[in-house]
N, C-alpha and C. Protein backbone atom coordinates (compact mmCIF):
# COMPACT_ATOMS: atom_id res chain seq x y z
N UNK A 1 2.06 6.41 52.96
CA UNK A 1 0.53 6.33 53.35
C UNK A 1 0.31 6.00 54.47
N UNK A 2 1.08 5.23 54.67
CA UNK A 2 0.76 4.46 55.98
C UNK A 2 1.33 5.46 57.30
N UNK A 3 2.71 5.96 56.78
CA UNK A 3 3.14 6.90 57.70
C UNK A 3 2.69 8.66 57.70
N UNK A 4 1.77 8.98 56.54
CA UNK A 4 1.41 10.00 56.28
C UNK A 4 0.05 10.03 55.80
N UNK A 5 -1.10 9.87 56.80
CA UNK A 5 -2.40 9.35 56.27
C UNK A 5 -2.81 10.54 54.96
N UNK A 6 -2.25 11.40 55.47
CA UNK A 6 -2.82 13.11 54.66
C UNK A 6 -1.86 12.82 53.03
N UNK A 7 -0.98 12.14 52.80
CA UNK A 7 -0.30 11.47 51.45
C UNK A 7 -1.50 11.33 50.51
N UNK A 8 -0.52 12.48 49.15
CA UNK A 8 -1.82 12.32 47.70
C UNK A 8 -0.98 11.16 46.72
N UNK A 9 -0.12 11.09 46.67
CA UNK A 9 0.29 10.21 45.22
C UNK A 9 -0.17 8.91 45.36
N UNK A 10 -0.12 8.44 44.08
CA UNK A 10 -0.25 7.29 43.53
C UNK A 10 -0.38 6.11 44.23
N UNK A 11 0.85 6.04 45.03
CA UNK A 11 1.08 4.79 45.95
C UNK A 11 -0.15 5.19 47.20
N UNK A 12 -0.37 6.12 47.56
CA UNK A 12 -0.94 6.78 48.66
C UNK A 12 -2.77 6.46 48.12
N UNK A 13 -2.81 6.31 46.97
CA UNK A 13 -4.36 6.45 46.48
C UNK A 13 -4.84 4.90 46.68
N UNK A 14 -3.78 3.99 46.31
CA UNK A 14 -3.79 2.70 46.18
C UNK A 14 -4.22 1.91 47.24
N UNK A 15 -3.51 2.18 48.43
CA UNK A 15 -3.55 1.99 49.73
C UNK A 15 -4.68 2.21 50.33
N UNK A 16 -4.89 3.45 50.11
CA UNK A 16 -6.48 3.84 50.57
C UNK A 16 -7.62 3.09 49.99
N UNK A 17 -7.66 2.88 48.62
CA UNK A 17 -8.38 2.26 48.00
C UNK A 17 -8.75 0.56 47.91
N UNK A 18 -7.53 0.13 48.67
CA UNK A 18 -7.24 -1.29 48.77
C UNK A 18 -7.90 -1.42 50.08
N UNK A 19 -7.88 -0.97 51.11
CA UNK A 19 -7.58 -1.44 52.59
C UNK A 19 -9.03 -0.53 53.14
N UNK A 20 -9.89 -1.50 53.86
CA UNK A 20 -11.02 -1.08 54.93
C UNK A 20 -10.26 -0.10 55.84
N UNK A 21 -11.14 0.70 56.04
CA UNK A 21 -10.77 1.55 57.74
C UNK A 21 -10.20 0.70 58.44
N UNK A 22 -10.65 0.05 58.90
CA UNK A 22 -10.00 -0.98 59.86
C UNK A 22 -9.16 -1.32 59.73
N UNK A 23 -8.53 -1.91 58.48
CA UNK A 23 -7.62 -2.83 57.77
C UNK A 23 -6.47 -1.66 57.91
N UNK A 24 -6.84 -0.60 57.49
CA UNK A 24 -6.13 0.45 57.31
C UNK A 24 -5.32 1.09 58.74
N UNK A 25 -6.16 1.08 59.87
CA UNK A 25 -6.05 1.63 61.24
C UNK A 25 -5.11 0.25 61.29
N UNK A 26 -5.06 -1.11 61.40
CA UNK A 26 -3.95 -2.31 61.77
C UNK A 26 -2.90 -2.02 61.16
N UNK A 27 -3.11 -1.80 59.97
CA UNK A 27 -1.47 -1.74 59.03
C UNK A 27 -1.03 -0.38 59.65
N UNK A 28 -1.41 0.47 60.10
CA UNK A 28 -0.49 1.62 60.68
C UNK A 28 -0.16 1.26 61.92
N UNK A 29 -1.22 0.27 62.86
CA UNK A 29 -0.44 0.12 64.16
C UNK A 29 0.74 -1.18 63.97
N UNK A 30 0.63 -1.78 63.12
CA UNK A 30 1.55 -2.94 62.85
C UNK A 30 2.71 -2.23 62.30
N UNK A 31 2.48 -1.28 61.63
CA UNK A 31 3.83 -0.72 61.14
C UNK A 31 5.04 0.15 62.11
N UNK A 32 4.31 1.29 62.62
CA UNK A 32 5.08 1.98 64.13
C UNK A 32 5.69 0.99 64.80
N UNK A 33 5.36 0.16 65.00
CA UNK A 33 6.54 -0.42 66.11
C UNK A 33 7.58 -1.33 65.35
N UNK A 34 7.43 -1.45 63.66
CA UNK A 34 8.64 -1.82 63.09
C UNK A 34 9.40 -0.78 62.47
N UNK A 35 8.72 0.17 62.45
CA UNK A 35 9.78 1.09 61.89
C UNK A 35 10.44 2.29 62.47
N UNK A 36 10.10 1.87 64.13
CA UNK A 36 10.60 2.76 64.91
C UNK A 36 12.27 3.08 64.93
N UNK A 37 12.86 1.57 64.78
CA UNK A 37 14.77 1.52 64.62
C UNK A 37 15.04 1.46 63.81
N UNK A 38 14.39 1.32 62.70
CA UNK A 38 14.77 1.04 61.49
C UNK A 38 15.53 1.72 60.72
N UNK A 39 16.99 1.45 60.23
CA UNK A 39 17.45 2.01 59.48
C UNK A 39 18.07 2.00 58.01
N UNK A 40 16.95 2.42 57.31
CA UNK A 40 17.41 2.45 55.84
C UNK A 40 18.91 2.83 55.01
N UNK A 41 19.59 3.17 55.69
CA UNK A 41 21.04 3.23 55.81
C UNK A 41 22.05 1.65 55.21
N UNK A 42 21.52 1.34 56.62
CA UNK A 42 21.99 -0.29 57.18
C UNK A 42 21.44 -0.87 56.12
N UNK A 43 20.22 -1.08 55.81
CA UNK A 43 19.67 -1.92 54.64
C UNK A 43 20.44 -1.81 53.25
N UNK A 44 20.75 -0.29 53.05
CA UNK A 44 21.22 -0.31 51.66
C UNK A 44 22.30 -0.76 51.85
N UNK A 45 23.00 -0.87 53.03
CA UNK A 45 24.51 -1.15 52.62
C UNK A 45 24.27 -2.59 52.70
N UNK A 46 23.67 -3.16 53.26
CA UNK A 46 23.83 -4.70 53.55
C UNK A 46 23.12 -4.92 51.55
N UNK A 47 22.45 -4.53 51.33
CA UNK A 47 22.03 -4.59 49.68
C UNK A 47 23.48 -4.53 49.03
N UNK A 48 24.27 -3.22 48.80
CA UNK A 48 25.30 -3.05 48.15
C UNK A 48 26.39 -4.18 48.21
N UNK A 49 26.44 -4.75 49.65
CA UNK A 49 27.72 -5.72 50.01
C UNK A 49 26.85 -6.80 49.31
N UNK A 50 25.89 -7.27 49.37
CA UNK A 50 25.64 -8.49 48.50
C UNK A 50 25.39 -8.65 47.38
N UNK A 51 25.06 -7.06 46.27
CA UNK A 51 25.42 -7.12 44.89
C UNK A 51 27.12 -7.41 44.65
N UNK A 52 28.04 -6.93 45.89
CA UNK A 52 29.32 -6.62 44.97
C UNK A 52 29.80 -8.25 45.70
N UNK A 53 29.25 -9.05 46.18
CA UNK A 53 30.14 -10.14 46.89
C UNK A 53 28.90 -11.12 45.35
N UNK A 54 28.06 -10.92 45.30
CA UNK A 54 27.53 -11.44 44.11
C UNK A 54 28.62 -11.06 42.53
N UNK A 55 28.85 -10.25 42.63
CA UNK A 55 29.90 -9.66 41.61
C UNK A 55 30.73 -10.15 41.76
N UNK A 56 31.36 -10.72 42.96
CA UNK A 56 32.74 -11.03 42.88
C UNK A 56 32.61 -13.35 42.54
N UNK A 57 31.52 -13.47 42.97
CA UNK A 57 31.00 -15.09 42.48
C UNK A 57 31.20 -14.61 41.21
N UNK A 58 30.44 -13.90 40.50
CA UNK A 58 30.03 -13.81 38.46
C UNK A 58 31.41 -13.64 38.00
N UNK A 59 32.76 -12.56 38.69
CA UNK A 59 33.70 -12.69 38.18
C UNK A 59 34.18 -13.81 38.31
N UNK A 60 34.67 -14.47 39.43
CA UNK A 60 35.50 -15.74 39.51
C UNK A 60 36.62 -15.44 40.07
N UNK A 61 36.99 -14.14 40.36
CA UNK A 61 37.94 -13.65 41.23
C UNK A 61 38.51 -12.24 41.66
N UNK A 62 38.86 -12.55 42.56
CA UNK A 62 39.09 -10.74 43.25
C UNK A 62 39.24 -9.71 42.30
N UNK A 63 40.04 -9.88 41.61
CA UNK A 63 40.75 -8.85 40.50
C UNK A 63 39.98 -8.44 40.11
N UNK A 64 39.23 -9.09 39.31
CA UNK A 64 37.91 -8.42 38.32
C UNK A 64 37.19 -7.33 39.27
N UNK A 65 36.82 -8.22 40.17
CA UNK A 65 35.58 -7.56 41.38
C UNK A 65 36.25 -6.07 42.08
N UNK A 66 37.44 -6.32 41.90
CA UNK A 66 37.88 -5.18 42.70
C UNK A 66 38.16 -4.12 41.69
N UNK A 67 38.55 -4.41 40.71
CA UNK A 67 38.40 -3.39 39.36
C UNK A 67 37.09 -2.75 38.89
N UNK A 68 36.07 -3.50 39.17
CA UNK A 68 34.89 -2.87 38.65
C UNK A 68 34.49 -1.90 40.03
N UNK A 69 34.88 -2.09 41.01
CA UNK A 69 34.42 -1.49 42.33
C UNK A 69 35.16 -0.28 41.98
N UNK A 70 36.45 -0.21 41.88
CA UNK A 70 37.19 1.09 41.70
C UNK A 70 36.84 1.69 40.37
N UNK A 71 36.13 1.18 39.90
CA UNK A 71 35.92 1.88 38.07
C UNK A 71 34.73 2.98 38.93
N UNK A 72 33.94 2.20 39.88
CA UNK A 72 32.67 2.62 40.37
C UNK A 72 32.80 4.08 41.27
N UNK A 73 34.39 4.06 41.63
CA UNK A 73 34.67 4.94 42.91
C UNK A 73 33.80 4.60 44.17
N UNK A 74 34.01 2.99 44.46
CA UNK A 74 33.20 2.41 45.64
C UNK A 74 33.91 2.93 46.72
N UNK A 75 33.43 3.08 47.71
CA UNK A 75 34.23 3.71 49.19
C UNK A 75 35.15 2.78 49.59
N UNK A 76 36.05 3.39 50.78
CA UNK A 76 37.13 2.29 51.17
C UNK A 76 36.16 1.09 51.49
N UNK A 77 34.72 1.00 52.43
CA UNK A 77 34.24 0.35 53.22
C UNK A 77 33.79 -0.92 52.09
N UNK A 78 33.60 -0.49 51.26
CA UNK A 78 32.96 -1.60 50.28
C UNK A 78 34.55 -2.20 49.72
N UNK A 79 35.00 -1.85 49.46
CA UNK A 79 36.66 -2.79 49.62
C UNK A 79 36.95 -3.75 50.44
N UNK A 80 37.25 -3.07 51.70
CA UNK A 80 37.12 -4.06 52.73
C UNK A 80 36.07 -5.05 52.98
N UNK A 81 35.11 -4.72 52.74
CA UNK A 81 33.81 -5.67 52.95
C UNK A 81 33.83 -6.99 52.16
N UNK A 82 34.15 -6.27 50.81
CA UNK A 82 34.66 -7.56 49.82
C UNK A 82 35.72 -8.27 49.93
N UNK A 83 36.90 -7.66 50.38
CA UNK A 83 37.71 -8.62 50.53
C UNK A 83 38.09 -9.38 51.87
N UNK A 84 37.57 -8.98 52.81
CA UNK A 84 36.78 -9.90 53.96
C UNK A 84 35.84 -10.93 53.49
N UNK A 85 34.93 -10.29 52.83
CA UNK A 85 33.93 -11.73 52.01
C UNK A 85 35.25 -12.78 51.32
N UNK A 86 35.90 -12.32 50.77
CA UNK A 86 36.99 -13.49 49.77
C UNK A 86 37.55 -13.88 50.83
N UNK A 87 37.98 -13.41 51.63
CA UNK A 87 39.18 -14.25 52.44
C UNK A 87 38.26 -15.43 53.46
N UNK A 88 36.89 -15.24 53.41
CA UNK A 88 36.46 -15.81 54.30
C UNK A 88 36.20 -17.09 53.85
N UNK A 89 35.39 -17.98 55.25
CA UNK A 89 35.75 -19.31 54.63
C UNK A 89 33.98 -19.78 54.06
N UNK A 90 32.99 -18.16 54.26
CA UNK A 90 31.91 -18.67 53.46
C UNK A 90 32.01 -18.31 51.81
N UNK A 91 33.24 -18.12 51.20
CA UNK A 91 33.51 -17.65 49.66
C UNK A 91 33.80 -18.84 49.04
N UNK A 92 34.85 -19.80 49.64
CA UNK A 92 35.32 -20.92 49.55
C UNK A 92 34.55 -21.96 48.90
N UNK A 93 33.38 -22.03 49.64
CA UNK A 93 32.73 -23.35 48.38
C UNK A 93 32.11 -22.92 47.11
N UNK A 94 31.74 -21.66 47.31
CA UNK A 94 31.05 -20.78 45.88
C UNK A 94 32.51 -20.64 44.77
N UNK A 95 33.76 -20.47 45.50
CA UNK A 95 35.12 -20.39 44.58
C UNK A 95 35.34 -21.51 43.96
N UNK A 96 34.92 -23.08 44.35
CA UNK A 96 35.21 -24.08 43.95
C UNK A 96 34.98 -24.87 42.57
N UNK A 97 35.43 -25.11 41.93
CA UNK A 97 34.84 -25.65 40.44
C UNK A 97 33.92 -27.11 40.38
N UNK A 98 33.07 -26.56 39.85
CA UNK A 98 31.88 -28.01 39.78
C UNK A 98 31.97 -28.50 38.83
């Protein structure tokens, strides 16, 4: 709705009904600079990597985590990122028994 004022979906209607004309104008002015260089694919990659890392921590070791990635047919970049994380200093405290 903020990117396309002519949008007609349910979400657009909620935004139009919730914001005053002045607030709507201000929200659109704030949105523009914040989304000029926004790359949704980079955000999606980061979210996927975070989910893979959480899976590694939940599995307790790299073997099962890699098996799940292979089963899901994850791309090679996902495997490499997960292996880098598993070998990193950031993973060591998460791996330590409590």
